[in-house]
Amino acid sequence: MKRFLVLGLGRFGSSVARALSRLGHEVTGVDRDPAVVESQSAILARAVKGDATNVEILRTLSVRDFDVAVVAIGSDTEASLMATLLLKELGVHQVVAKASTDFHGRILGRIGADRIVFPERDMGLRVAYNLASANFLDFIELSPELSIVEITPPPAMVGRSLRQLDLRAKYGVNVVVMRKGGTVKVSPRADEVIEAGDVLVVIGHIDSIRGLQKMQA
């Protein structure tokens, strides 16, 4: 079990906090709005009313003792930057910060955020790829060069093993998970045969993954 601190309990922050809590981790949430704090108090290990940019409040919380701090403050860019800076100055090992724009993200990186997330942009990408590609079920961009995509295999893959397909050599992608009905196979063996109805999770450059859609028998 890890200890997480979530600053800002809006839609994004509360979603992250609840998910971490359901996974069995200890989560402390902080928000200025007493009604929000009250609504989360029964779900999280601790919900605190306070200003995340107040260094004394952060010291009271002993932020250095948390494994990860998530700065989920919404549209208040100044507060987001201040909270991130204070967390790093107070010795938090890993700070994950939500960014609303690329410029906001660049500044967060410069002041010490260890990981920067763009919830609105990432969701937009996922919806766009899902709409544009019939067999793209889900999409996560890890970097401009690397993406993870959940796909239904095109007909040309069905009935063939991963060894026969040799996707790494031919397309530059790796199959990391194969789901067959209710069975999930992580790092599937090369002799696994793809069947209609399977779901594959592949990792690689998005252009390489797109190439799978054009795969011919």
Protein backbone atom coordinates (compact mmCIF):
# COMPACT_ATOMS: atom_id res chain seq x y z
CA MET A 1 0.00 0.00 0.00
CA LYS A 2 1.24 3.45 -0.93
CA ARG A 3 0.34 6.83 0.53
CA PHE A 4 -1.02 9.42 -1.90
CA LEU A 5 -1.76 13.11 -1.44
CA VAL A 6 -4.24 14.68 -3.86
CA LEU A 7 -4.45 18.47 -3.95
CA GLY A 8 -7.70 19.62 -5.53
CA LEU A 9 -10.80 17.44 -5.43
CA GLY A 10 -12.60 18.60 -8.55
CA ARG A 11 -13.69 16.11 -11.22
CA PHE A 12 -10.19 14.98 -12.09
CA GLY A 13 -8.77 15.03 -8.57
CA SER A 14 -11.69 13.25 -6.95
CA SER A 15 -11.70 10.62 -9.72
CA VAL A 16 -8.00 9.90 -9.17
CA ALA A 17 -8.40 9.89 -5.38
CA ARG A 18 -11.36 7.51 -5.43
CA ALA A 19 -9.66 5.15 -7.87
CA LEU A 20 -6.50 5.00 -5.76
CA SER A 21 -8.58 4.40 -2.65
CA ARG A 22 -10.48 1.54 -4.33
CA LEU A 23 -7.13 -0.01 -5.24
CA GLY A 24 -6.33 -0.21 -1.54
CA HIS A 25 -4.01 2.77 -1.14
CA GLU A 26 -4.13 5.38 1.61
CA VAL A 27 -5.31 8.68 0.11
CA THR A 28 -5.44 12.13 1.68
CA GLY A 29 -7.36 14.75 -0.28
CA VAL A 30 -7.18 18.51 0.13
CA ASP A 31 -9.61 21.11 -1.21
CA ARG A 32 -10.72 24.64 -0.34
CA ASP A 33 -14.42 23.84 -0.64
CA PRO A 34 -15.84 22.41 2.61
CA ALA A 35 -18.76 20.79 0.76
CA VAL A 36 -16.35 18.92 -1.51
CA VAL A 37 -14.26 17.83 1.46
CA GLU A 38 -17.36 16.59 3.24
CA SER A 39 -18.48 14.59 0.19
CA GLN A 40 -15.10 12.80 0.01
CA SER A 41 -14.58 12.22 3.72
CA ALA A 42 -16.40 8.89 3.74
CA ILE A 43 -14.42 7.61 0.75
CA LEU A 44 -10.85 8.70 1.41
CA ALA A 45 -8.62 7.88 4.36
CA ARG A 46 -8.56 11.61 5.12
CA ALA A 47 -10.13 14.69 3.53
CA VAL A 48 -8.83 18.10 4.60
CA LYS A 49 -10.19 21.59 4.01
CA GLY A 50 -7.33 23.87 3.13
CA ASP A 51 -5.41 25.94 0.62
CA ALA A 52 -2.89 23.81 -1.24
CA THR A 53 -0.68 26.87 -1.80
CA ASN A 54 -0.32 27.51 1.94
CA VAL A 55 3.06 26.16 2.99
CA GLU A 56 2.02 25.84 6.63
CA ILE A 57 -0.90 23.58 5.72
CA LEU A 58 1.41 21.42 3.62
CA ARG A 59 3.89 21.19 6.49
CA THR A 60 1.07 20.18 8.85
CA LEU A 61 0.21 17.36 6.47
CA SER A 62 3.84 16.13 6.57
CA VAL A 63 3.87 15.96 2.78
CA ARG A 64 7.38 14.48 2.73
CA ASP A 65 5.91 11.24 4.11
CA PHE A 66 3.69 10.63 1.04
CA ASP A 67 4.92 8.39 -1.75
CA VAL A 68 3.25 10.49 -4.45
CA ALA A 69 1.53 13.88 -4.49
CA VAL A 70 -0.95 14.70 -7.24
CA VAL A 71 -1.56 18.37 -8.03
CA ALA A 72 -5.05 18.21 -9.53
CA ILE A 73 -5.91 21.90 -9.22
CA GLY A 74 -8.12 22.94 -12.13
CA SER A 75 -8.10 26.25 -13.98
CA ASP A 76 -6.06 28.22 -11.42
CA THR A 77 -2.67 27.99 -13.10
CA GLU A 78 -0.90 30.10 -10.50
CA ALA A 79 -2.14 27.89 -7.67
CA SER A 80 -1.12 24.77 -9.60
CA LEU A 81 2.41 26.07 -10.10
CA MET A 82 2.74 27.28 -6.51
CA ALA A 83 1.54 23.97 -5.05
CA THR A 84 3.93 22.00 -7.27
CA LEU A 85 6.88 24.20 -6.33
CA LEU A 86 6.11 23.98 -2.60
CA LEU A 87 5.76 20.20 -2.71
CA LYS A 88 9.18 19.81 -4.31
CA GLU A 89 10.75 22.30 -1.91
CA LEU A 90 9.26 20.36 1.01
CA GLY A 91 10.88 17.17 -0.21
CA VAL A 92 8.08 15.19 -1.87
CA HIS A 93 9.78 12.45 -3.89
CA GLN A 94 7.28 12.24 -6.77
CA VAL A 95 4.90 15.00 -7.86
CA VAL A 96 2.34 14.38 -10.61
CA ALA A 97 0.73 17.57 -11.88
CA LYS A 98 -2.30 18.20 -14.08
CA ALA A 99 -1.71 20.68 -16.91
CA SER A 100 -4.38 22.54 -18.83
CA THR A 101 -2.16 23.68 -21.73
CA ASP A 102 1.22 22.79 -23.25
CA PHE A 103 2.69 26.03 -21.88
CA HIS A 104 1.37 25.22 -18.41
CA GLY A 105 2.93 21.76 -18.73
CA ARG A 106 6.32 23.14 -19.74
CA ILE A 107 6.43 25.42 -16.72
CA LEU A 108 5.39 22.59 -14.41
CA GLY A 109 8.28 20.56 -15.77
CA ARG A 110 10.74 23.38 -15.23
CA ILE A 111 9.78 23.84 -11.59
CA GLY A 112 10.17 20.17 -10.79
CA ALA A 113 7.02 18.16 -11.58
CA ASP A 114 8.11 14.56 -12.11
CA ARG A 115 5.16 13.69 -14.33
CA ILE A 116 2.70 15.94 -16.16
CA VAL A 117 -0.73 14.78 -17.32
CA PHE A 118 -3.14 16.43 -19.75
CA PRO A 119 -6.55 14.89 -18.96
CA GLU A 120 -8.61 16.91 -21.44
CA ARG A 121 -6.16 16.49 -24.31
CA ASP A 122 -5.62 12.80 -23.65
CA MET A 123 -9.35 12.11 -23.52
CA GLY A 124 -9.80 14.01 -26.77
CA LEU A 125 -7.15 11.86 -28.44
CA ARG A 126 -8.74 8.68 -27.18
CA VAL A 127 -12.16 9.66 -28.46
CA ALA A 128 -10.75 10.80 -31.81
CA TYR A 129 -8.87 7.56 -32.46
CA ASN A 130 -11.85 5.51 -31.36
CA LEU A 131 -14.14 7.36 -33.78
CA ALA A 132 -11.68 7.31 -36.67
CA SER A 133 -10.60 3.69 -36.34
CA ALA A 134 -13.23 0.99 -36.06
CA ASN A 135 -10.89 -1.51 -34.37
CA PHE A 136 -9.22 0.97 -31.96
CA LEU A 137 -10.96 0.37 -28.64
CA ASP A 138 -8.74 2.55 -26.48
CA PHE A 139 -5.66 4.73 -26.93
CA ILE A 140 -3.03 6.11 -24.55
CA GLU A 141 -0.19 8.32 -25.78
CA LEU A 142 2.87 7.69 -23.61
CA SER A 143 5.03 10.10 -25.61
CA PRO A 144 5.09 11.51 -29.16
CA GLU A 145 6.99 8.34 -30.18
CA LEU A 146 5.18 5.69 -28.15
CA SER A 147 1.53 4.74 -27.70
CA ILE A 148 -0.46 1.88 -26.21
CA VAL A 149 -3.57 0.88 -28.15
CA GLU A 150 -6.25 -1.69 -27.41
CA ILE A 151 -7.48 -3.15 -30.70
CA THR A 152 -9.65 -5.85 -32.14
CA PRO A 153 -7.47 -7.80 -34.60
CA PRO A 154 -8.16 -7.29 -38.31
CA PRO A 155 -9.35 -10.39 -40.23
CA ALA A 156 -5.85 -11.00 -41.61
CA MET A 157 -4.61 -11.82 -38.07
CA VAL A 158 -7.32 -14.32 -37.19
CA GLY A 159 -6.21 -17.95 -37.18
CA ARG A 160 -2.52 -17.11 -37.08
CA SER A 161 -0.08 -17.27 -34.18
CA LEU A 162 1.97 -14.35 -32.92
CA ARG A 163 5.07 -16.15 -34.18
CA GLN A 164 3.62 -16.39 -37.68
CA LEU A 165 2.57 -12.75 -37.67
CA ASP A 166 5.98 -11.55 -36.39
CA LEU A 167 4.50 -8.12 -35.67
CA ARG A 168 7.63 -6.74 -34.06
CA ALA A 169 9.78 -7.35 -37.13
CA LYS A 170 7.16 -6.41 -39.72
CA TYR A 171 5.39 -3.51 -38.01
CA GLY A 172 7.60 -2.46 -35.09
CA VAL A 173 4.94 -3.17 -32.46
CA ASN A 174 4.71 -5.57 -29.54
CA VAL A 175 1.65 -7.39 -28.22
CA VAL A 176 1.83 -6.99 -24.43
CA VAL A 177 -1.62 -8.30 -23.47
CA MET A 178 -4.09 -10.64 -25.15
CA ARG A 179 -7.66 -10.93 -23.87
CA LYS A 180 -9.65 -14.03 -24.80
CA GLY A 181 -13.14 -13.85 -23.35
CA GLY A 182 -12.65 -13.58 -19.60
CA THR A 183 -8.99 -14.65 -19.72
CA VAL A 184 -6.21 -12.05 -19.78
CA LYS A 185 -2.76 -13.16 -20.90
CA VAL A 186 0.11 -10.80 -20.13
CA SER A 187 3.16 -11.16 -22.42
CA PRO A 188 1.43 -13.88 -24.47
CA ARG A 189 3.55 -16.71 -25.83
CA ALA A 190 4.62 -16.71 -29.46
CA ASP A 191 2.48 -19.77 -30.18
CA GLU A 192 -0.74 -18.07 -29.05
CA VAL A 193 -3.24 -18.12 -31.93
CA ILE A 194 -5.43 -15.05 -32.46
CA GLU A 195 -9.12 -15.78 -32.73
CA ALA A 196 -12.12 -13.68 -33.75
CA GLY A 197 -13.34 -11.76 -30.72
CA ASP A 198 -9.91 -11.47 -29.10
CA VAL A 199 -8.63 -8.10 -27.92
CA LEU A 200 -4.97 -7.15 -28.19
CA VAL A 201 -3.07 -4.46 -26.33
CA VAL A 202 -0.13 -3.37 -28.46
CA ILE A 203 2.66 -0.88 -27.86
CA GLY A 204 4.62 1.02 -30.49
CA HIS A 205 4.66 4.17 -32.62
CA ILE A 206 1.12 5.20 -33.56
CA ASP A 207 2.00 5.12 -37.27
CA SER A 208 3.21 1.53 -36.88
CA ILE A 209 0.05 0.56 -35.03
CA ARG A 210 -2.05 2.13 -37.78
CA GLY A 211 -0.24 -0.12 -40.21
CA LEU A 212 -1.92 -3.11 -38.60
CA GLN A 213 -5.25 -1.84 -39.90
CA LYS A 214 -3.99 -2.16 -43.47
CA MET A 215 -2.66 -5.64 -42.90
CA GLN A 216 -3.40 -8.03 -45.74
CA ALA A 217 -3.89 -11.77 -45.40
